[in-house]
Amino acid sequence: MRLIAAIAFKKGVPPLVIQIFSKSLEAACKRTHSRGRHEQRLLHTSPDKLKAEEQDELKVWLAQDPHPERLYYALQHMRTVYAAHTEESGKEALQQWIAEHLTSPTAAIRSIAKTVVQWRESIQNYFSFRVTNAPIEGTHNKVKVIKRRAYGYRSIERFKIRIRLECKPAM
């Protein structure tokens, strides 16, 4: 997975970071589909945007197993990293996150931390320029969805037309 592609913010955290944490959380806790969707929403939502009863429910659920709890708090810690306002504080927060989570007892967090280390320079560039490749990644995803939905086009020209129609910039 390419962590740099995740710099598009969704509630303060890049979607790919959320996706990585979500997959790890889902693997750690197998639930029924409807219950899992509710728990996934709780996990993706910033704690300050949850209702009091949802926060209590999340605390009870996380207390049942230390692995999802560690993943959840690592995600919250990553939210604070991306909330840094200056280049120096962002780089410092990222270094602190790496140092804290690289030796985590949870294998999924160690794996995420190793990925962050590999992409450190690119992630730190975000704090310098506050520019992401999110629009390109979004367009790329749309093209993949169009291709999957179409089951193939008779000609490449029709495929190009469909892409232009669906991916034109908003006015």
N, C-alpha and C. Protein backbone atom coordinates (compact mmCIF):
# COMPACT_ATOMS: atom_id res chain seq x y z
N MET A 1 0.83 -1.18 0.00
CA MET A 1 0.00 0.00 0.00
C MET A 1 0.87 1.24 0.00
N ARG A 2 0.38 2.27 -0.64
CA ARG A 2 1.16 3.49 -0.72
C ARG A 2 0.60 4.49 0.27
N LEU A 3 1.35 4.74 1.32
CA LEU A 3 0.91 5.66 2.35
C LEU A 3 0.84 7.08 1.85
N ILE A 4 1.70 7.44 0.90
CA ILE A 4 1.69 8.82 0.40
C ILE A 4 0.38 9.13 -0.28
N ALA A 5 -0.29 8.13 -0.82
CA ALA A 5 -1.57 8.34 -1.48
C ALA A 5 -2.66 8.69 -0.48
N ALA A 6 -2.37 8.59 0.78
CA ALA A 6 -3.38 8.76 1.80
C ALA A 6 -3.42 10.14 2.41
N ILE A 7 -2.74 11.08 1.88
CA ILE A 7 -2.64 12.37 2.53
C ILE A 7 -3.92 13.18 2.38
N ALA A 8 -4.89 12.67 1.64
CA ALA A 8 -6.17 13.35 1.54
C ALA A 8 -6.89 13.25 2.87
N PHE A 9 -7.22 14.36 3.44
CA PHE A 9 -7.78 14.32 4.77
C PHE A 9 -9.25 13.90 4.77
N LYS A 10 -9.57 13.08 5.75
CA LYS A 10 -10.95 12.73 6.04
C LYS A 10 -11.05 12.84 7.55
N LYS A 11 -11.64 13.90 7.99
CA LYS A 11 -11.77 14.16 9.42
C LYS A 11 -10.40 14.20 10.09
N GLY A 12 -9.44 14.80 9.41
CA GLY A 12 -8.14 15.02 10.02
C GLY A 12 -7.12 13.92 9.83
N VAL A 13 -7.52 12.80 9.22
CA VAL A 13 -6.57 11.70 9.02
C VAL A 13 -6.72 11.21 7.60
N PRO A 14 -5.61 10.93 6.93
CA PRO A 14 -5.69 10.43 5.57
C PRO A 14 -6.50 9.13 5.49
N PRO A 15 -7.29 8.96 4.42
CA PRO A 15 -8.12 7.77 4.28
C PRO A 15 -7.34 6.47 4.29
N LEU A 16 -6.16 6.46 3.68
CA LEU A 16 -5.40 5.22 3.66
C LEU A 16 -4.94 4.82 5.05
N VAL A 17 -4.57 5.81 5.85
CA VAL A 17 -4.18 5.51 7.22
C VAL A 17 -5.38 4.89 7.95
N ILE A 18 -6.56 5.49 7.76
CA ILE A 18 -7.77 4.95 8.37
C ILE A 18 -8.02 3.54 7.84
N GLN A 19 -7.83 3.35 6.53
CA GLN A 19 -8.05 2.04 5.93
C GLN A 19 -7.09 1.00 6.51
N ILE A 20 -5.84 1.36 6.68
CA ILE A 20 -4.87 0.42 7.24
C ILE A 20 -5.27 0.03 8.65
N PHE A 21 -5.62 1.05 9.46
CA PHE A 21 -6.03 0.77 10.82
C PHE A 21 -7.32 -0.04 10.84
N SER A 22 -8.25 0.28 9.94
CA SER A 22 -9.54 -0.42 9.91
C SER A 22 -9.36 -1.89 9.59
N LYS A 23 -8.53 -2.18 8.59
CA LYS A 23 -8.31 -3.58 8.23
C LYS A 23 -7.70 -4.34 9.39
N SER A 24 -6.79 -3.71 10.08
CA SER A 24 -6.17 -4.36 11.23
C SER A 24 -7.19 -4.57 12.34
N LEU A 25 -8.04 -3.57 12.55
CA LEU A 25 -9.06 -3.70 13.59
C LEU A 25 -10.08 -4.78 13.23
N GLU A 26 -10.47 -4.80 11.95
CA GLU A 26 -11.43 -5.81 11.53
C GLU A 26 -10.86 -7.21 11.69
N ALA A 27 -9.58 -7.36 11.38
CA ALA A 27 -8.95 -8.67 11.52
C ALA A 27 -8.86 -9.06 12.99
N ALA A 28 -8.62 -8.09 13.85
CA ALA A 28 -8.48 -8.37 15.28
C ALA A 28 -9.82 -8.71 15.93
N CYS A 29 -10.90 -8.16 15.41
CA CYS A 29 -12.22 -8.37 16.01
C CYS A 29 -13.22 -8.76 14.94
N LYS A 30 -13.57 -10.01 14.86
CA LYS A 30 -14.55 -10.45 13.88
C LYS A 30 -15.94 -10.30 14.48
N ARG A 31 -16.77 -9.56 13.79
CA ARG A 31 -18.12 -9.26 14.27
C ARG A 31 -19.13 -9.55 13.16
N THR A 32 -20.41 -9.48 13.50
CA THR A 32 -21.43 -9.60 12.47
C THR A 32 -21.37 -8.35 11.61
N HIS A 33 -21.94 -8.43 10.40
CA HIS A 33 -21.83 -7.34 9.45
C HIS A 33 -22.43 -6.04 9.98
N SER A 34 -23.67 -6.06 10.44
CA SER A 34 -24.31 -4.83 10.89
C SER A 34 -23.63 -4.28 12.14
N ARG A 35 -23.29 -5.16 13.04
CA ARG A 35 -22.60 -4.73 14.25
C ARG A 35 -21.21 -4.18 13.89
N GLY A 36 -20.57 -4.86 12.94
CA GLY A 36 -19.25 -4.42 12.50
C GLY A 36 -19.27 -3.05 11.87
N ARG A 37 -20.32 -2.75 11.09
CA ARG A 37 -20.43 -1.42 10.47
C ARG A 37 -20.59 -0.35 11.52
N HIS A 38 -21.37 -0.63 12.55
CA HIS A 38 -21.56 0.33 13.64
C HIS A 38 -20.24 0.57 14.36
N GLU A 39 -19.54 -0.51 14.67
CA GLU A 39 -18.26 -0.38 15.36
C GLU A 39 -17.24 0.33 14.47
N GLN A 40 -17.28 0.05 13.17
CA GLN A 40 -16.35 0.71 12.25
C GLN A 40 -16.62 2.21 12.23
N ARG A 41 -17.88 2.61 12.26
CA ARG A 41 -18.21 4.04 12.30
C ARG A 41 -17.67 4.67 13.58
N LEU A 42 -17.82 3.96 14.69
CA LEU A 42 -17.30 4.48 15.96
C LEU A 42 -15.78 4.63 15.90
N LEU A 43 -15.12 3.67 15.29
CA LEU A 43 -13.66 3.71 15.21
C LEU A 43 -13.17 4.80 14.27
N HIS A 44 -13.90 5.08 13.21
CA HIS A 44 -13.48 6.08 12.23
C HIS A 44 -13.78 7.50 12.67
N THR A 45 -14.74 7.65 13.55
CA THR A 45 -15.14 8.98 13.97
C THR A 45 -14.22 9.48 15.08
N SER A 46 -13.84 10.72 14.96
CA SER A 46 -13.00 11.33 15.98
C SER A 46 -13.75 11.30 17.32
N PRO A 47 -13.06 10.99 18.43
CA PRO A 47 -13.73 10.85 19.72
C PRO A 47 -14.53 12.08 20.14
N ASP A 48 -14.04 13.26 19.78
CA ASP A 48 -14.76 14.47 20.17
C ASP A 48 -16.06 14.66 19.40
N LYS A 49 -16.27 13.89 18.33
CA LYS A 49 -17.52 13.99 17.56
C LYS A 49 -18.51 12.88 17.89
N LEU A 50 -18.15 12.01 18.82
CA LEU A 50 -19.06 10.94 19.25
C LEU A 50 -19.93 11.43 20.39
N LYS A 51 -21.15 10.89 20.45
CA LYS A 51 -22.03 11.18 21.57
C LYS A 51 -21.48 10.48 22.82
N ALA A 52 -21.92 10.93 23.97
CA ALA A 52 -21.42 10.36 25.23
C ALA A 52 -21.67 8.86 25.31
N GLU A 53 -22.87 8.42 24.91
CA GLU A 53 -23.19 6.99 24.98
C GLU A 53 -22.35 6.20 23.97
N GLU A 54 -22.04 6.81 22.83
CA GLU A 54 -21.18 6.13 21.86
C GLU A 54 -19.75 6.02 22.39
N GLN A 55 -19.28 7.06 23.06
CA GLN A 55 -17.95 7.00 23.67
C GLN A 55 -17.89 5.90 24.72
N ASP A 56 -18.95 5.78 25.53
CA ASP A 56 -19.00 4.73 26.55
C ASP A 56 -19.01 3.35 25.90
N GLU A 57 -19.81 3.20 24.85
CA GLU A 57 -19.89 1.93 24.13
C GLU A 57 -18.53 1.56 23.54
N LEU A 58 -17.85 2.55 22.98
CA LEU A 58 -16.53 2.31 22.40
C LEU A 58 -15.53 1.90 23.48
N LYS A 59 -15.56 2.55 24.62
CA LYS A 59 -14.65 2.20 25.72
C LYS A 59 -14.88 0.77 26.19
N VAL A 60 -16.15 0.38 26.32
CA VAL A 60 -16.47 -0.99 26.75
C VAL A 60 -15.98 -1.98 25.71
N TRP A 61 -16.23 -1.70 24.44
CA TRP A 61 -15.83 -2.61 23.37
C TRP A 61 -14.31 -2.74 23.33
N LEU A 62 -13.60 -1.62 23.41
CA LEU A 62 -12.13 -1.65 23.34
C LEU A 62 -11.51 -2.33 24.56
N ALA A 63 -12.18 -2.25 25.69
CA ALA A 63 -11.65 -2.86 26.91
C ALA A 63 -11.65 -4.39 26.84
N GLN A 64 -12.43 -4.95 25.91
CA GLN A 64 -12.53 -6.40 25.80
C GLN A 64 -11.27 -7.06 25.24
N ASP A 65 -10.50 -6.31 24.46
CA ASP A 65 -9.31 -6.89 23.82
C ASP A 65 -8.25 -5.80 23.68
N PRO A 66 -7.03 -6.06 24.12
CA PRO A 66 -6.00 -5.01 24.07
C PRO A 66 -5.53 -4.66 22.65
N HIS A 67 -5.62 -5.57 21.70
CA HIS A 67 -5.13 -5.28 20.36
C HIS A 67 -5.95 -4.20 19.65
N PRO A 68 -7.27 -4.32 19.59
CA PRO A 68 -8.04 -3.23 18.97
C PRO A 68 -7.88 -1.91 19.73
N GLU A 69 -7.74 -2.01 21.03
CA GLU A 69 -7.56 -0.79 21.83
C GLU A 69 -6.25 -0.09 21.44
N ARG A 70 -5.18 -0.86 21.31
CA ARG A 70 -3.90 -0.27 20.90
C ARG A 70 -3.99 0.33 19.51
N LEU A 71 -4.67 -0.39 18.59
CA LEU A 71 -4.85 0.13 17.24
C LEU A 71 -5.63 1.44 17.24
N TYR A 72 -6.69 1.47 18.02
CA TYR A 72 -7.52 2.67 18.09
C TYR A 72 -6.71 3.86 18.61
N TYR A 73 -5.97 3.65 19.67
CA TYR A 73 -5.20 4.77 20.23
C TYR A 73 -4.02 5.16 19.34
N ALA A 74 -3.48 4.22 18.58
CA ALA A 74 -2.44 4.56 17.60
C ALA A 74 -3.04 5.44 16.49
N LEU A 75 -4.26 5.12 16.08
CA LEU A 75 -4.96 5.94 15.08
C LEU A 75 -5.21 7.35 15.63
N GLN A 76 -5.65 7.43 16.88
CA GLN A 76 -5.91 8.75 17.47
C GLN A 76 -4.61 9.53 17.58
N HIS A 77 -3.53 8.84 17.89
CA HIS A 77 -2.23 9.51 17.96
C HIS A 77 -1.83 10.01 16.58
N MET A 78 -2.12 9.23 15.52
CA MET A 78 -1.81 9.67 14.16
C MET A 78 -2.65 10.89 13.79
N ARG A 79 -3.87 10.97 14.28
CA ARG A 79 -4.69 12.17 14.04
C ARG A 79 -4.00 13.41 14.59
N THR A 80 -3.39 13.29 15.75
CA THR A 80 -2.70 14.45 16.33
C THR A 80 -1.46 14.81 15.52
N VAL A 81 -0.81 13.81 14.93
CA VAL A 81 0.35 14.08 14.08
C VAL A 81 -0.06 14.96 12.90
N TYR A 82 -1.13 14.58 12.21
CA TYR A 82 -1.58 15.33 11.04
C TYR A 82 -2.23 16.66 11.40
N ALA A 83 -2.54 16.86 12.66
CA ALA A 83 -3.12 18.13 13.09
C ALA A 83 -2.05 19.18 13.38
N ALA A 84 -0.78 18.82 13.29
CA ALA A 84 0.30 19.75 13.58
C ALA A 84 0.22 20.95 12.63
N HIS A 85 0.49 22.13 13.16
CA HIS A 85 0.34 23.36 12.38
C HIS A 85 1.63 23.84 11.72
N THR A 86 2.75 23.44 12.25
CA THR A 86 4.01 23.90 11.67
C THR A 86 4.83 22.71 11.18
N GLU A 87 5.78 23.00 10.32
CA GLU A 87 6.63 21.95 9.77
C GLU A 87 7.42 21.26 10.88
N GLU A 88 7.99 22.04 11.77
CA GLU A 88 8.80 21.47 12.85
C GLU A 88 7.96 20.60 13.78
N SER A 89 6.81 21.12 14.18
CA SER A 89 5.97 20.33 15.10
C SER A 89 5.45 19.07 14.43
N GLY A 90 5.17 19.14 13.12
CA GLY A 90 4.72 17.95 12.38
C GLY A 90 5.79 16.88 12.31
N LYS A 91 7.00 17.30 12.00
CA LYS A 91 8.11 16.34 11.92
C LYS A 91 8.41 15.74 13.29
N GLU A 92 8.34 16.57 14.31
CA GLU A 92 8.58 16.08 15.67
C GLU A 92 7.49 15.11 16.10
N ALA A 93 6.23 15.44 15.81
CA ALA A 93 5.11 14.56 16.17
C ALA A 93 5.20 13.23 15.43
N LEU A 94 5.60 13.28 14.16
CA LEU A 94 5.75 12.05 13.38
C LEU A 94 6.86 11.18 13.96
N GLN A 95 7.98 11.80 14.30
CA GLN A 95 9.09 11.04 14.89
C GLN A 95 8.66 10.41 16.21
N GLN A 96 7.90 11.16 17.01
CA GLN A 96 7.42 10.63 18.29
C GLN A 96 6.47 9.46 18.05
N TRP A 97 5.59 9.57 17.06
CA TRP A 97 4.65 8.49 16.75
C TRP A 97 5.42 7.23 16.35
N ILE A 98 6.42 7.40 15.49
CA ILE A 98 7.21 6.26 15.03
C ILE A 98 7.92 5.61 16.21
N ALA A 99 8.57 6.42 17.04
CA ALA A 99 9.32 5.88 18.18
C ALA A 99 8.41 5.11 19.14
N GLU A 100 7.21 5.63 19.34
CA GLU A 100 6.29 4.99 20.28
C GLU A 100 5.69 3.70 19.73
N HIS A 101 5.40 3.67 18.44
CA HIS A 101 4.65 2.54 17.88
C HIS A 101 5.49 1.50 17.16
N LEU A 102 6.76 1.79 16.92
CA LEU A 102 7.63 0.83 16.24
C LEU A 102 7.89 -0.40 17.11
N THR A 103 7.76 -0.25 18.41
CA THR A 103 7.99 -1.37 19.33
C THR A 103 6.70 -1.84 20.01
N SER A 104 5.58 -1.57 19.38
CA SER A 104 4.29 -1.95 19.94
C SER A 104 4.17 -3.47 20.06
N PRO A 105 3.47 -3.95 21.10
CA PRO A 105 3.25 -5.40 21.21
C PRO A 105 2.28 -5.94 20.15
N THR A 106 1.56 -5.04 19.48
CA THR A 106 0.61 -5.46 18.45
C THR A 106 1.30 -5.45 17.09
N ALA A 107 1.31 -6.59 16.43
CA ALA A 107 2.03 -6.76 15.15
C ALA A 107 1.52 -5.80 14.08
N ALA A 108 0.21 -5.58 14.03
CA ALA A 108 -0.35 -4.69 13.01
C ALA A 108 0.18 -3.27 13.16
N ILE A 109 0.34 -2.81 14.38
CA ILE A 109 0.85 -1.46 14.61
C ILE A 109 2.31 -1.38 14.22
N ARG A 110 3.08 -2.40 14.54
CA ARG A 110 4.49 -2.42 14.13
C ARG A 110 4.60 -2.37 12.61
N SER A 111 3.74 -3.10 11.93
CA SER A 111 3.74 -3.12 10.47
C SER A 111 3.41 -1.73 9.91
N ILE A 112 2.42 -1.08 10.49
CA ILE A 112 2.04 0.26 10.07
C ILE A 112 3.20 1.22 10.32
N ALA A 113 3.83 1.10 11.48
CA ALA A 113 4.95 1.98 11.82
C ALA A 113 6.11 1.79 10.84
N LYS A 114 6.37 0.55 10.43
CA LYS A 114 7.44 0.30 9.45
C LYS A 114 7.10 0.96 8.11
N THR A 115 5.83 0.91 7.72
CA THR A 115 5.40 1.57 6.49
C THR A 115 5.60 3.08 6.60
N VAL A 116 5.24 3.63 7.75
CA VAL A 116 5.41 5.07 7.98
C VAL A 116 6.89 5.44 7.91
N VAL A 117 7.76 4.60 8.45
CA VAL A 117 9.21 4.86 8.38
C VAL A 117 9.67 4.88 6.92
N GLN A 118 9.18 3.94 6.11
CA GLN A 118 9.57 3.89 4.70
C GLN A 118 9.13 5.14 3.94
N TRP A 119 7.99 5.70 4.32
CA TRP A 119 7.43 6.86 3.63
C TRP A 119 7.66 8.16 4.41
N ARG A 120 8.54 8.13 5.39
CA ARG A 120 8.74 9.29 6.28
C ARG A 120 9.00 10.58 5.51
N GLU A 121 9.92 10.55 4.57
CA GLU A 121 10.27 11.78 3.85
C GLU A 121 9.06 12.35 3.11
N SER A 122 8.32 11.50 2.46
CA SER A 122 7.13 11.96 1.72
C SER A 122 6.06 12.48 2.67
N ILE A 123 5.90 11.83 3.79
CA ILE A 123 4.92 12.28 4.78
C ILE A 123 5.35 13.62 5.36
N GLN A 124 6.65 13.78 5.62
CA GLN A 124 7.14 15.04 6.17
C GLN A 124 6.99 16.18 5.16
N ASN A 125 7.04 15.87 3.89
CA ASN A 125 6.81 16.91 2.87
C ASN A 125 5.42 17.51 3.00
N TYR A 126 4.47 16.73 3.46
CA TYR A 126 3.13 17.28 3.67
C TYR A 126 3.19 18.45 4.64
N PHE A 127 3.96 18.32 5.69
CA PHE A 127 4.03 19.38 6.69
C PHE A 127 4.71 20.63 6.13
N SER A 128 5.54 20.46 5.13
CA SER A 128 6.22 21.60 4.51
C SER A 128 5.32 22.32 3.52
N PHE A 129 4.59 21.57 2.70
CA PHE A 129 3.87 22.18 1.59
C PHE A 129 2.35 22.11 1.71
N ARG A 130 1.82 21.24 2.55
CA ARG A 130 0.37 21.05 2.72
C ARG A 130 -0.32 20.80 1.38
N VAL A 131 0.34 20.06 0.52
CA VAL A 131 -0.21 19.68 -0.77
C VAL A 131 -0.23 18.16 -0.83
N THR A 132 -1.30 17.61 -1.39
CA THR A 132 -1.42 16.16 -1.48
C THR A 132 -1.72 15.73 -2.91
N ASN A 133 -1.62 14.45 -3.14
CA ASN A 133 -1.99 13.90 -4.44
C ASN A 133 -3.40 13.30 -4.39
N ALA A 134 -4.19 13.72 -3.44
CA ALA A 134 -5.54 13.19 -3.25
C ALA A 134 -6.43 13.35 -4.49
N PRO A 135 -6.44 14.51 -5.17
CA PRO A 135 -7.31 14.61 -6.35
C PRO A 135 -6.96 13.58 -7.42
N ILE A 136 -5.67 13.33 -7.63
CA ILE A 136 -5.25 12.34 -8.63
C ILE A 136 -5.66 10.94 -8.18
N GLU A 137 -5.45 10.65 -6.91
CA GLU A 137 -5.85 9.33 -6.39
C GLU A 137 -7.36 9.14 -6.51
N GLY A 138 -8.13 10.19 -6.26
CA GLY A 138 -9.59 10.11 -6.40
C GLY A 138 -10.01 9.84 -7.83
N THR A 139 -9.38 10.52 -8.77
CA THR A 139 -9.67 10.30 -10.19
C THR A 139 -9.29 8.89 -10.59
N HIS A 140 -8.14 8.43 -10.13
CA HIS A 140 -7.70 7.07 -10.44
C HIS A 140 -8.71 6.06 -9.93
N ASN A 141 -9.22 6.28 -8.74
CA ASN A 141 -10.23 5.38 -8.18
C ASN A 141 -11.50 5.40 -9.02
N LYS A 142 -11.94 6.59 -9.47
CA LYS A 142 -13.13 6.69 -10.31
C LYS A 142 -12.96 5.89 -11.60
N VAL A 143 -11.79 5.99 -12.22
CA VAL A 143 -11.53 5.26 -13.46
C VAL A 143 -11.60 3.75 -13.22
N LYS A 144 -11.05 3.30 -12.09
CA LYS A 144 -11.12 1.88 -11.77
C LYS A 144 -12.56 1.43 -11.56
N VAL A 145 -13.38 2.27 -10.93
CA VAL A 145 -14.79 1.93 -10.70
C VAL A 145 -15.53 1.87 -12.03
N ILE A 146 -15.27 2.84 -12.91
CA ILE A 146 -15.91 2.84 -14.24
C ILE A 146 -15.55 1.56 -14.98
N LYS A 147 -14.30 1.20 -14.96
CA LYS A 147 -13.83 -0.01 -15.65
C LYS A 147 -14.49 -1.26 -15.09
N ARG A 148 -14.57 -1.33 -13.77
CA ARG A 148 -15.18 -2.50 -13.13
C ARG A 148 -16.68 -2.57 -13.41
N ARG A 149 -17.33 -1.42 -13.37
CA ARG A 149 -18.78 -1.36 -13.58
C ARG A 149 -19.16 -1.69 -15.03
N ALA A 150 -18.28 -1.41 -15.96
CA ALA A 150 -18.61 -1.55 -17.37
C ALA A 150 -18.47 -2.96 -17.92
N TYR A 151 -17.72 -3.81 -17.26
CA TYR A 151 -17.44 -5.15 -17.78
C TYR A 151 -16.82 -5.07 -19.17
N GLY A 152 -16.08 -4.04 -19.44
CA GLY A 152 -15.40 -3.88 -20.72
C GLY A 152 -16.22 -3.05 -21.69
N TYR A 153 -15.56 -2.27 -22.47
CA TYR A 153 -16.21 -1.46 -23.51
C TYR A 153 -15.85 -2.03 -24.87
N ARG A 154 -16.71 -1.77 -25.85
CA ARG A 154 -16.43 -2.27 -27.20
C ARG A 154 -15.22 -1.58 -27.80
N SER A 155 -15.06 -0.33 -27.46
CA SER A 155 -13.90 0.38 -28.01
C SER A 155 -13.28 1.24 -26.92
N ILE A 156 -12.03 1.52 -27.09
CA ILE A 156 -11.32 2.35 -26.13
C ILE A 156 -11.87 3.78 -26.16
N GLU A 157 -12.39 4.20 -27.32
CA GLU A 157 -12.95 5.56 -27.44
C GLU A 157 -14.17 5.73 -26.54
N ARG A 158 -15.04 4.73 -26.47
CA ARG A 158 -16.22 4.81 -25.59
C ARG A 158 -15.78 4.85 -24.12
N PHE A 159 -14.76 4.11 -23.79
CA PHE A 159 -14.22 4.11 -22.42
C PHE A 159 -13.68 5.50 -22.08
N LYS A 160 -12.96 6.11 -23.01
CA LYS A 160 -12.43 7.47 -22.79
C LYS A 160 -13.55 8.48 -22.62
N ILE A 161 -14.59 8.35 -23.41
CA ILE A 161 -15.74 9.26 -23.30
C ILE A 161 -16.39 9.13 -21.93
N ARG A 162 -16.58 7.90 -21.46
CA ARG A 162 -17.19 7.67 -20.15
C ARG A 162 -16.34 8.29 -19.04
N ILE A 163 -15.04 8.13 -19.15
CA ILE A 163 -14.13 8.71 -18.15
C ILE A 163 -14.25 10.23 -18.16
N ARG A 164 -14.25 10.83 -19.35
CA ARG A 164 -14.37 12.29 -19.43
C ARG A 164 -15.69 12.78 -18.86
N LEU A 165 -16.76 12.04 -19.10
CA LEU A 165 -18.08 12.45 -18.58
C LEU A 165 -18.13 12.38 -17.05
N GLU A 166 -17.58 11.32 -16.50
CA GLU A 166 -17.70 11.12 -15.05
C GLU A 166 -16.61 11.80 -14.26
N CYS A 167 -15.50 12.12 -14.87
CA CYS A 167 -14.39 12.71 -14.13
C CYS A 167 -14.17 14.18 -14.44
N LYS A 168 -15.14 14.80 -15.11
CA LYS A 168 -14.94 16.22 -15.42
C LYS A 168 -14.95 17.03 -14.12
N PRO A 169 -14.20 18.10 -14.09
CA PRO A 169 -14.11 18.90 -12.86
C PRO A 169 -15.45 19.54 -12.51
N ALA A 170 -15.70 19.67 -11.22
CA ALA A 170 -16.93 20.31 -10.76
C ALA A 170 -16.88 21.80 -11.09
N MET A 171 -18.02 22.32 -11.49
CA MET A 171 -18.06 23.75 -11.83
C MET A 171 -18.73 24.55 -10.76
